Amino acid sequence: MTKLINKDQLYVDLFFTLDRVAMGDVLLNVTSDYDKTESIITLSSPITSNERYTAYSLLNQFQDYADGLYTYVLTDAFGILESGSIKIQSEDFGTPNYTSYQSEDDDYIVYDDDQY
């Protein structure tokens, strides 16, 4: 399942379903699906850990990321705990400013260059 992160929030809660208990430092490796840039975030102690899920709360470190899809790998001292997808978006994600023109044979859509 894809995790949704809003860039405009101050704190982010991340929930993971782990097959085993995390041991040692837990690292979240985030890779952009668009340009393959990577970043590693060290997670502090979980706020909740039980047989159903493990939850982490952290100061939003995704505010400078571009809107889009990312792949994550959660690891600890013994290997991979979980992997999946993240969608990072801001409040104005998905609302392009465009003008539509119709001619005799075709429709044209022109995007405002100032927004992109």
C-alpha atoms as a PDB file:
ATOM      1  CA  MET A   1       0.000   0.000   0.000  1.00  0.00           C
ATOM      2  CA  THR A   2       1.238   3.502  -0.812  1.00  0.00           C
ATOM      3  CA  LYS A   3       1.781   5.860   2.098  1.00  0.00           C
ATOM      4  CA  LEU A   4       0.548   9.441   1.548  1.00  0.00           C
ATOM      5  CA  ILE A   5       2.630  12.294   2.965  1.00  0.00           C
ATOM      6  CA  ASN A   6       1.497  15.911   2.907  1.00  0.00           C
ATOM      7  CA  LYS A   7       4.541  18.208   2.628  1.00  0.00           C
ATOM      8  CA  ASP A   8       2.706  21.055   4.342  1.00  0.00           C
ATOM      9  CA  GLN A   9       2.264  19.265   7.691  1.00  0.00           C
ATOM     10  CA  LEU A  10       4.676  19.924  10.544  1.00  0.00           C
ATOM     11  CA  TYR A  11       4.796  16.304  11.775  1.00  0.00           C
ATOM     12  CA  VAL A  12       4.401  13.046   9.867  1.00  0.00           C
ATOM     13  CA  ASP A  13       3.136   9.768  11.347  1.00  0.00           C
ATOM     14  CA  LEU A  14       4.420   6.667   9.561  1.00  0.00           C
ATOM     15  CA  PHE A  15       2.820   3.276  10.169  1.00  0.00           C
ATOM     16  CA  PHE A  16       4.546   0.022   9.204  1.00  0.00           C
ATOM     17  CA  THR A  17       3.446  -3.611   9.479  1.00  0.00           C
ATOM     18  CA  LEU A  18       6.614  -5.488  10.395  1.00  0.00           C
ATOM     19  CA  ASP A  19       7.163  -9.252  10.457  1.00  0.00           C
ATOM     20  CA  ARG A  20       9.667  -8.960  13.296  1.00  0.00           C
ATOM     21  CA  VAL A  21      10.756  -6.535  16.004  1.00  0.00           C
ATOM     22  CA  ALA A  22      13.151  -3.804  14.839  1.00  0.00           C
ATOM     23  CA  MET A  23      16.619  -4.067  16.388  1.00  0.00           C
ATOM     24  CA  GLY A  24      19.097  -1.201  16.606  1.00  0.00           C
ATOM     25  CA  ASP A  25      18.910   1.928  14.466  1.00  0.00           C
ATOM     26  CA  VAL A  26      15.986   2.015  12.043  1.00  0.00           C
ATOM     27  CA  LEU A  27      16.707   3.730   8.717  1.00  0.00           C
ATOM     28  CA  LEU A  28      14.229   4.851   6.087  1.00  0.00           C
ATOM     29  CA  ASN A  29      15.864   4.928   2.646  1.00  0.00           C
ATOM     30  CA  VAL A  30      13.727   7.030   0.268  1.00  0.00           C
ATOM     31  CA  THR A  31      14.374   6.939  -3.505  1.00  0.00           C
ATOM     32  CA  SER A  32      12.644   9.156  -6.057  1.00  0.00           C
ATOM     33  CA  ASP A  33      10.894   7.169  -8.794  1.00  0.00           C
ATOM     34  CA  TYR A  34      11.491  10.118 -11.150  1.00  0.00           C
ATOM     35  CA  ASP A  35      15.184  10.976 -10.882  1.00  0.00           C
ATOM     36  CA  LYS A  36      16.470   8.143  -8.608  1.00  0.00           C
ATOM     37  CA  THR A  37      17.877  10.501  -5.955  1.00  0.00           C
ATOM     38  CA  GLU A  38      18.202   8.866  -2.545  1.00  0.00           C
ATOM     39  CA  SER A  39      18.044  10.083   1.021  1.00  0.00           C
ATOM     40  CA  ILE A  40      18.294   8.253   4.317  1.00  0.00           C
ATOM     41  CA  ILE A  41      16.255   9.256   7.378  1.00  0.00           C
ATOM     42  CA  THR A  42      17.084   7.858  10.809  1.00  0.00           C
ATOM     43  CA  LEU A  43      13.918   7.102  12.760  1.00  0.00           C
ATOM     44  CA  SER A  44      13.815   7.532  16.520  1.00  0.00           C
ATOM     45  CA  SER A  45      12.041   5.156  18.873  1.00  0.00           C
ATOM     46  CA  PRO A  46       8.535   4.197  17.736  1.00  0.00           C
ATOM     47  CA  ILE A  47       5.578   5.849  19.425  1.00  0.00           C
ATOM     48  CA  THR A  48       3.649   2.561  19.187  1.00  0.00           C
ATOM     49  CA  SER A  49       4.860  -0.963  18.617  1.00  0.00           C
ATOM     50  CA  ASN A  50       2.594  -3.982  18.875  1.00  0.00           C
ATOM     51  CA  GLU A  51       1.775  -7.167  16.952  1.00  0.00           C
ATOM     52  CA  ARG A  52      -0.303  -5.247  14.356  1.00  0.00           C
ATOM     53  CA  TYR A  53       1.864  -2.240  13.479  1.00  0.00           C
ATOM     54  CA  THR A  54       4.776  -0.021  14.424  1.00  0.00           C
ATOM     55  CA  ALA A  55       4.275   3.762  14.300  1.00  0.00           C
ATOM     56  CA  TYR A  56       6.880   6.503  14.109  1.00  0.00           C
ATOM     57  CA  SER A  57       6.257  10.227  14.462  1.00  0.00           C
ATOM     58  CA  LEU A  58       8.860  12.602  13.086  1.00  0.00           C
ATOM     59  CA  LEU A  59       9.331  16.219  12.203  1.00  0.00           C
ATOM     60  CA  ASN A  60       8.417  16.485   8.507  1.00  0.00           C
ATOM     61  CA  GLN A  61      11.671  16.002   6.613  1.00  0.00           C
ATOM     62  CA  PHE A  62       9.866  15.762   3.264  1.00  0.00           C
ATOM     63  CA  GLN A  63       9.115  19.485   2.871  1.00  0.00           C
ATOM     64  CA  ASP A  64      11.915  20.029   0.312  1.00  0.00           C
ATOM     65  CA  TYR A  65      11.048  16.943  -1.741  1.00  0.00           C
ATOM     66  CA  ALA A  66       9.358  17.325  -5.118  1.00  0.00           C
ATOM     67  CA  ASP A  67       5.755  16.191  -5.407  1.00  0.00           C
ATOM     68  CA  GLY A  68       5.560  12.670  -6.766  1.00  0.00           C
ATOM     69  CA  LEU A  69       6.119   8.994  -6.128  1.00  0.00           C
ATOM     70  CA  TYR A  70       8.972   7.538  -4.101  1.00  0.00           C
ATOM     71  CA  THR A  71      10.082   4.049  -3.115  1.00  0.00           C
ATOM     72  CA  TYR A  72      11.130   3.351   0.468  1.00  0.00           C
ATOM     73  CA  VAL A  73      13.077   0.593   2.183  1.00  0.00           C
ATOM     74  CA  LEU A  74      12.939   0.357   5.982  1.00  0.00           C
ATOM     75  CA  THR A  75      15.996  -1.369   7.465  1.00  0.00           C
ATOM     76  CA  ASP A  76      17.523  -2.114  10.843  1.00  0.00           C
ATOM     77  CA  ALA A  77      20.722  -3.781  12.053  1.00  0.00           C
ATOM     78  CA  PHE A  78      19.598  -7.183  10.715  1.00  0.00           C
ATOM     79  CA  GLY A  79      18.336  -6.204   7.264  1.00  0.00           C
ATOM     80  CA  ILE A  80      15.195  -5.118   5.472  1.00  0.00           C
ATOM     81  CA  LEU A  81      12.045  -4.715   7.559  1.00  0.00           C
ATOM     82  CA  GLU A  82       9.638  -3.458   4.906  1.00  0.00           C
ATOM     83  CA  SER A  83       9.560  -1.813   1.491  1.00  0.00           C
ATOM     84  CA  GLY A  84       6.861   0.021  -0.407  1.00  0.00           C
ATOM     85  CA  SER A  85       5.806   3.285  -2.021  1.00  0.00           C
ATOM     86  CA  ILE A  86       5.285   6.825  -0.797  1.00  0.00           C
ATOM     87  CA  LYS A  87       3.353   9.612  -2.505  1.00  0.00           C
ATOM     88  CA  ILE A  88       4.520  13.058  -1.425  1.00  0.00           C
ATOM     89  CA  GLN A  89       2.279  15.982  -2.246  1.00  0.00           C
ATOM     90  CA  SER A  90       1.607  19.580  -1.305  1.00  0.00           C
ATOM     91  CA  GLU A  91      -1.739  21.354  -1.033  1.00  0.00           C
ATOM     92  CA  ASP A  92      -1.692  22.508  -4.680  1.00  0.00           C
ATOM     93  CA  PHE A  93      -0.743  19.119  -6.179  1.00  0.00           C
ATOM     94  CA  GLY A  94      -2.731  18.278  -9.291  1.00  0.00           C
ATOM     95  CA  THR A  95      -4.241  21.695 -10.080  1.00  0.00           C
ATOM     96  CA  PRO A  96      -2.469  22.944 -13.205  1.00  0.00           C
ATOM     97  CA  ASN A  97      -3.306  26.335 -14.667  1.00  0.00           C
ATOM     98  CA  TYR A  98      -4.127  25.872 -18.346  1.00  0.00           C
ATOM     99  CA  THR A  99      -5.972  27.561 -21.188  1.00  0.00           C
ATOM    100  CA  SER A 100      -7.868  25.542 -23.797  1.00  0.00           C
ATOM    101  CA  TYR A 101      -8.206  26.648 -27.422  1.00  0.00           C
ATOM    102  CA  GLN A 102     -10.421  25.073 -30.055  1.00  0.00           C
ATOM    103  CA  SER A 103      -9.786  25.314 -33.771  1.00  0.00           C
ATOM    104  CA  GLU A 104     -11.564  23.676 -36.688  1.00  0.00           C
ATOM    105  CA  ASP A 105      -9.811  20.288 -36.473  1.00  0.00           C
ATOM    106  CA  ASP A 106      -8.047  20.044 -33.095  1.00  0.00           C
ATOM    107  CA  ASP A 107      -8.234  21.115 -29.477  1.00  0.00           C
ATOM    108  CA  TYR A 108      -5.151  22.750 -27.968  1.00  0.00           C
ATOM    109  CA  ILE A 109      -4.239  23.024 -24.317  1.00  0.00           C
ATOM    110  CA  VAL A 110      -1.562  25.510 -23.323  1.00  0.00           C
ATOM    111  CA  TYR A 111      -0.045  25.412 -19.816  1.00  0.00           C
ATOM    112  CA  ASP A 112       1.010  28.563 -18.007  1.00  0.00           C
ATOM    113  CA  ASP A 113       4.844  28.537 -17.889  1.00  0.00           C
ATOM    114  CA  ASP A 114       4.977  30.640 -14.717  1.00  0.00           C
ATOM    115  CA  GLN A 115       3.512  27.841 -12.591  1.00  0.00           C
ATOM    116  CA  TYR A 116       5.954  25.159 -13.717  1.00  0.00           C
END
